[in-house]
Amino acid sequence: MSSPFKGQTGLKRIFNAAGYSFDGLRAAFTGEAAFRQLVLLNVILVPVAFWLDVSRAERAILIAVCLLGLIVELLNSAIEAAIDRISLDRHPLSKNAKDMGSAAQLVAMSMVGLIWAVILL
């Protein structure tokens, strides 16, 4: 049995998906301080990556890890929203899910710092 939310095909589906994606970015930007902070960090670091005297491959890696930080924050925020939608009650499994999302973001941001340090130092 298929989902009633999966009715579109072709270009209409692509346009709908793009709209949902922009809605998600807007929700993250307006509702998540951590996402706004990472956007600001990316606004700084991505132009710096173009200014640095590094190879094209190194520049691509510097930019990619910055974008990865945004991706992980979006996923972390989505996990938190889904857990909160299910219940605001404290539950060990809810805590684990939120903590693991936070840990993923810690690892991603550590990777950003490590990659930038390895390439620049």
C-alpha atoms as a PDB file:
ATOM      1  CA  MET A   1       0.000   0.000   0.000  1.00  0.00           C
ATOM      2  CA  SER A   2       1.467   3.355  -0.984  1.00  0.00           C
ATOM      3  CA  SER A   3       1.428   6.544   1.033  1.00  0.00           C
ATOM      4  CA  PRO A   4      -1.194   9.178   0.168  1.00  0.00           C
ATOM      5  CA  PHE A   5       1.641  11.722   0.346  1.00  0.00           C
ATOM      6  CA  LYS A   6       3.504  10.092  -2.568  1.00  0.00           C
ATOM      7  CA  GLY A   7       1.158  11.040  -5.430  1.00  0.00           C
ATOM      8  CA  GLN A   8       3.353  13.232  -7.630  1.00  0.00           C
ATOM      9  CA  THR A   9       5.751  12.091 -10.330  1.00  0.00           C
ATOM     10  CA  GLY A  10       8.130  13.702 -12.792  1.00  0.00           C
ATOM     11  CA  LEU A  11       8.910  17.415 -12.673  1.00  0.00           C
ATOM     12  CA  LYS A  12       6.012  18.131 -10.307  1.00  0.00           C
ATOM     13  CA  ARG A  13       7.598  15.822  -7.722  1.00  0.00           C
ATOM     14  CA  ILE A  14      10.976  17.531  -8.133  1.00  0.00           C
ATOM     15  CA  PHE A  15       9.456  20.999  -7.691  1.00  0.00           C
ATOM     16  CA  ASN A  16       7.496  19.830  -4.641  1.00  0.00           C
ATOM     17  CA  ALA A  17      10.629  18.265  -3.139  1.00  0.00           C
ATOM     18  CA  ALA A  18      12.599  21.474  -3.704  1.00  0.00           C
ATOM     19  CA  GLY A  19       9.842  23.431  -1.959  1.00  0.00           C
ATOM     20  CA  TYR A  20       9.892  21.062   1.013  1.00  0.00           C
ATOM     21  CA  SER A  21      13.677  21.400   1.184  1.00  0.00           C
ATOM     22  CA  PHE A  22      13.497  25.194   1.246  1.00  0.00           C
ATOM     23  CA  ASP A  23      10.784  24.957   3.924  1.00  0.00           C
ATOM     24  CA  GLY A  24      13.171  22.806   5.980  1.00  0.00           C
ATOM     25  CA  LEU A  25      16.036  25.275   5.546  1.00  0.00           C
ATOM     26  CA  ARG A  26      13.741  28.133   6.542  1.00  0.00           C
ATOM     27  CA  ALA A  27      12.495  26.245   9.607  1.00  0.00           C
ATOM     28  CA  ALA A  28      16.052  25.423  10.665  1.00  0.00           C
ATOM     29  CA  PHE A  29      17.236  28.995  10.167  1.00  0.00           C
ATOM     30  CA  THR A  30      14.345  30.576  12.046  1.00  0.00           C
ATOM     31  CA  GLY A  31      14.014  27.979  14.783  1.00  0.00           C
ATOM     32  CA  GLU A  32      17.511  26.689  15.476  1.00  0.00           C
ATOM     33  CA  ALA A  33      20.204  28.984  16.881  1.00  0.00           C
ATOM     34  CA  ALA A  34      22.890  26.347  16.280  1.00  0.00           C
ATOM     35  CA  PHE A  35      21.990  26.216  12.583  1.00  0.00           C
ATOM     36  CA  ARG A  36      22.190  30.019  12.308  1.00  0.00           C
ATOM     37  CA  GLN A  37      25.602  29.943  13.991  1.00  0.00           C
ATOM     38  CA  LEU A  38      26.838  27.328  11.532  1.00  0.00           C
ATOM     39  CA  VAL A  39      25.495  29.342   8.590  1.00  0.00           C
ATOM     40  CA  LEU A  40      27.476  32.337   9.880  1.00  0.00           C
ATOM     41  CA  LEU A  41      30.574  30.154  10.256  1.00  0.00           C
ATOM     42  CA  ASN A  42      30.110  28.949   6.660  1.00  0.00           C
ATOM     43  CA  VAL A  43      29.625  32.528   5.425  1.00  0.00           C
ATOM     44  CA  ILE A  44      33.080  33.216   6.863  1.00  0.00           C
ATOM     45  CA  LEU A  45      34.949  29.983   6.130  1.00  0.00           C
ATOM     46  CA  VAL A  46      33.819  29.293   2.554  1.00  0.00           C
ATOM     47  CA  PRO A  47      35.121  32.634   1.196  1.00  0.00           C
ATOM     48  CA  VAL A  48      38.304  32.162   3.258  1.00  0.00           C
ATOM     49  CA  ALA A  49      38.760  28.775   1.561  1.00  0.00           C
ATOM     50  CA  PHE A  50      38.763  30.567  -1.826  1.00  0.00           C
ATOM     51  CA  TRP A  51      41.256  33.146  -0.565  1.00  0.00           C
ATOM     52  CA  LEU A  52      43.767  30.601   0.794  1.00  0.00           C
ATOM     53  CA  ASP A  53      46.689  29.426  -1.293  1.00  0.00           C
ATOM     54  CA  VAL A  54      45.736  25.734  -1.371  1.00  0.00           C
ATOM     55  CA  SER A  55      45.168  23.227  -4.149  1.00  0.00           C
ATOM     56  CA  ARG A  56      41.730  22.849  -5.714  1.00  0.00           C
ATOM     57  CA  ALA A  57      41.324  19.477  -4.008  1.00  0.00           C
ATOM     58  CA  GLU A  58      42.205  20.958  -0.617  1.00  0.00           C
ATOM     59  CA  ARG A  59      39.799  23.869  -1.222  1.00  0.00           C
ATOM     60  CA  ALA A  60      37.034  21.415  -2.101  1.00  0.00           C
ATOM     61  CA  ILE A  61      37.683  19.463   1.104  1.00  0.00           C
ATOM     62  CA  LEU A  62      37.695  22.643   3.226  1.00  0.00           C
ATOM     63  CA  ILE A  63      34.323  23.650   1.779  1.00  0.00           C
ATOM     64  CA  ALA A  64      32.872  20.123   1.907  1.00  0.00           C
ATOM     65  CA  VAL A  65      33.533  19.681   5.630  1.00  0.00           C
ATOM     66  CA  CYS A  66      31.898  23.045   6.320  1.00  0.00           C
ATOM     67  CA  LEU A  67      28.791  21.965   4.418  1.00  0.00           C
ATOM     68  CA  LEU A  68      28.878  18.616   6.212  1.00  0.00           C
ATOM     69  CA  GLY A  69      28.553  20.492   9.503  1.00  0.00           C
ATOM     70  CA  LEU A  70      25.334  22.079   8.199  1.00  0.00           C
ATOM     71  CA  ILE A  71      24.011  18.720   7.027  1.00  0.00           C
ATOM     72  CA  VAL A  72      24.633  17.081  10.394  1.00  0.00           C
ATOM     73  CA  GLU A  73      22.964  19.993  12.199  1.00  0.00           C
ATOM     74  CA  LEU A  74      19.896  19.653   9.972  1.00  0.00           C
ATOM     75  CA  LEU A  75      19.699  15.935  10.757  1.00  0.00           C
ATOM     76  CA  ASN A  76      20.255  16.569  14.479  1.00  0.00           C
ATOM     77  CA  SER A  77      17.467  19.163  14.503  1.00  0.00           C
ATOM     78  CA  ALA A  78      15.169  16.778  12.623  1.00  0.00           C
ATOM     79  CA  ILE A  79      15.800  14.037  15.197  1.00  0.00           C
ATOM     80  CA  GLU A  80      15.084  16.442  18.048  1.00  0.00           C
ATOM     81  CA  ALA A  81      11.870  17.669  16.390  1.00  0.00           C
ATOM     82  CA  ALA A  82      10.656  14.115  15.760  1.00  0.00           C
ATOM     83  CA  ILE A  83      11.374  13.068  19.348  1.00  0.00           C
ATOM     84  CA  ASP A  84       9.589  16.157  20.693  1.00  0.00           C
ATOM     85  CA  ARG A  85       6.625  15.487  18.370  1.00  0.00           C
ATOM     86  CA  ILE A  86       6.286  11.981  19.761  1.00  0.00           C
ATOM     87  CA  SER A  87       6.355  13.106  23.381  1.00  0.00           C
ATOM     88  CA  LEU A  88       7.811  15.811  25.582  1.00  0.00           C
ATOM     89  CA  ASP A  89       7.987  13.319  28.449  1.00  0.00           C
ATOM     90  CA  ARG A  90      11.461  12.373  29.607  1.00  0.00           C
ATOM     91  CA  HIS A  91      12.376   8.900  28.399  1.00  0.00           C
ATOM     92  CA  PRO A  92      15.780   7.192  28.257  1.00  0.00           C
ATOM     93  CA  LEU A  93      15.403   6.321  24.570  1.00  0.00           C
ATOM     94  CA  SER A  94      14.463   9.916  23.704  1.00  0.00           C
ATOM     95  CA  LYS A  95      17.488  11.145  25.636  1.00  0.00           C
ATOM     96  CA  ASN A  96      19.724   8.646  23.823  1.00  0.00           C
ATOM     97  CA  ALA A  97      18.423   9.739  20.412  1.00  0.00           C
ATOM     98  CA  LYS A  98      18.964  13.428  21.178  1.00  0.00           C
ATOM     99  CA  ASP A  99      22.372  12.790  22.735  1.00  0.00           C
ATOM    100  CA  MET A 100      23.489  10.739  19.726  1.00  0.00           C
ATOM    101  CA  GLY A 101      22.411  13.518  17.377  1.00  0.00           C
ATOM    102  CA  SER A 102      24.413  15.959  19.469  1.00  0.00           C
ATOM    103  CA  ALA A 103      27.390  13.604  19.449  1.00  0.00           C
ATOM    104  CA  ALA A 104      27.196  13.383  15.643  1.00  0.00           C
ATOM    105  CA  GLN A 105      27.393  17.168  15.498  1.00  0.00           C
ATOM    106  CA  LEU A 106      30.371  17.172  17.878  1.00  0.00           C
ATOM    107  CA  VAL A 107      32.182  14.678  15.632  1.00  0.00           C
ATOM    108  CA  ALA A 108      31.320  16.708  12.513  1.00  0.00           C
ATOM    109  CA  MET A 109      32.571  19.960  14.026  1.00  0.00           C
ATOM    110  CA  SER A 110      35.712  18.224  15.291  1.00  0.00           C
ATOM    111  CA  MET A 111      36.280  17.018  11.754  1.00  0.00           C
ATOM    112  CA  VAL A 112      35.889  20.582  10.433  1.00  0.00           C
ATOM    113  CA  GLY A 113      38.525  21.818  12.865  1.00  0.00           C
ATOM    114  CA  LEU A 114      40.855  18.884  12.240  1.00  0.00           C
ATOM    115  CA  ILE A 115      40.655  19.100   8.434  1.00  0.00           C
ATOM    116  CA  TRP A 116      41.226  22.866   8.436  1.00  0.00           C
ATOM    117  CA  ALA A 117      44.170  22.430  10.818  1.00  0.00           C
ATOM    118  CA  VAL A 118      45.768  19.618   8.795  1.00  0.00           C
ATOM    119  CA  ILE A 119      45.478  21.531   5.518  1.00  0.00           C
ATOM    120  CA  LEU A 120      46.634  24.889   6.904  1.00  0.00           C
ATOM    121  CA  LEU A 121      49.376  23.781   9.298  1.00  0.00           C
END
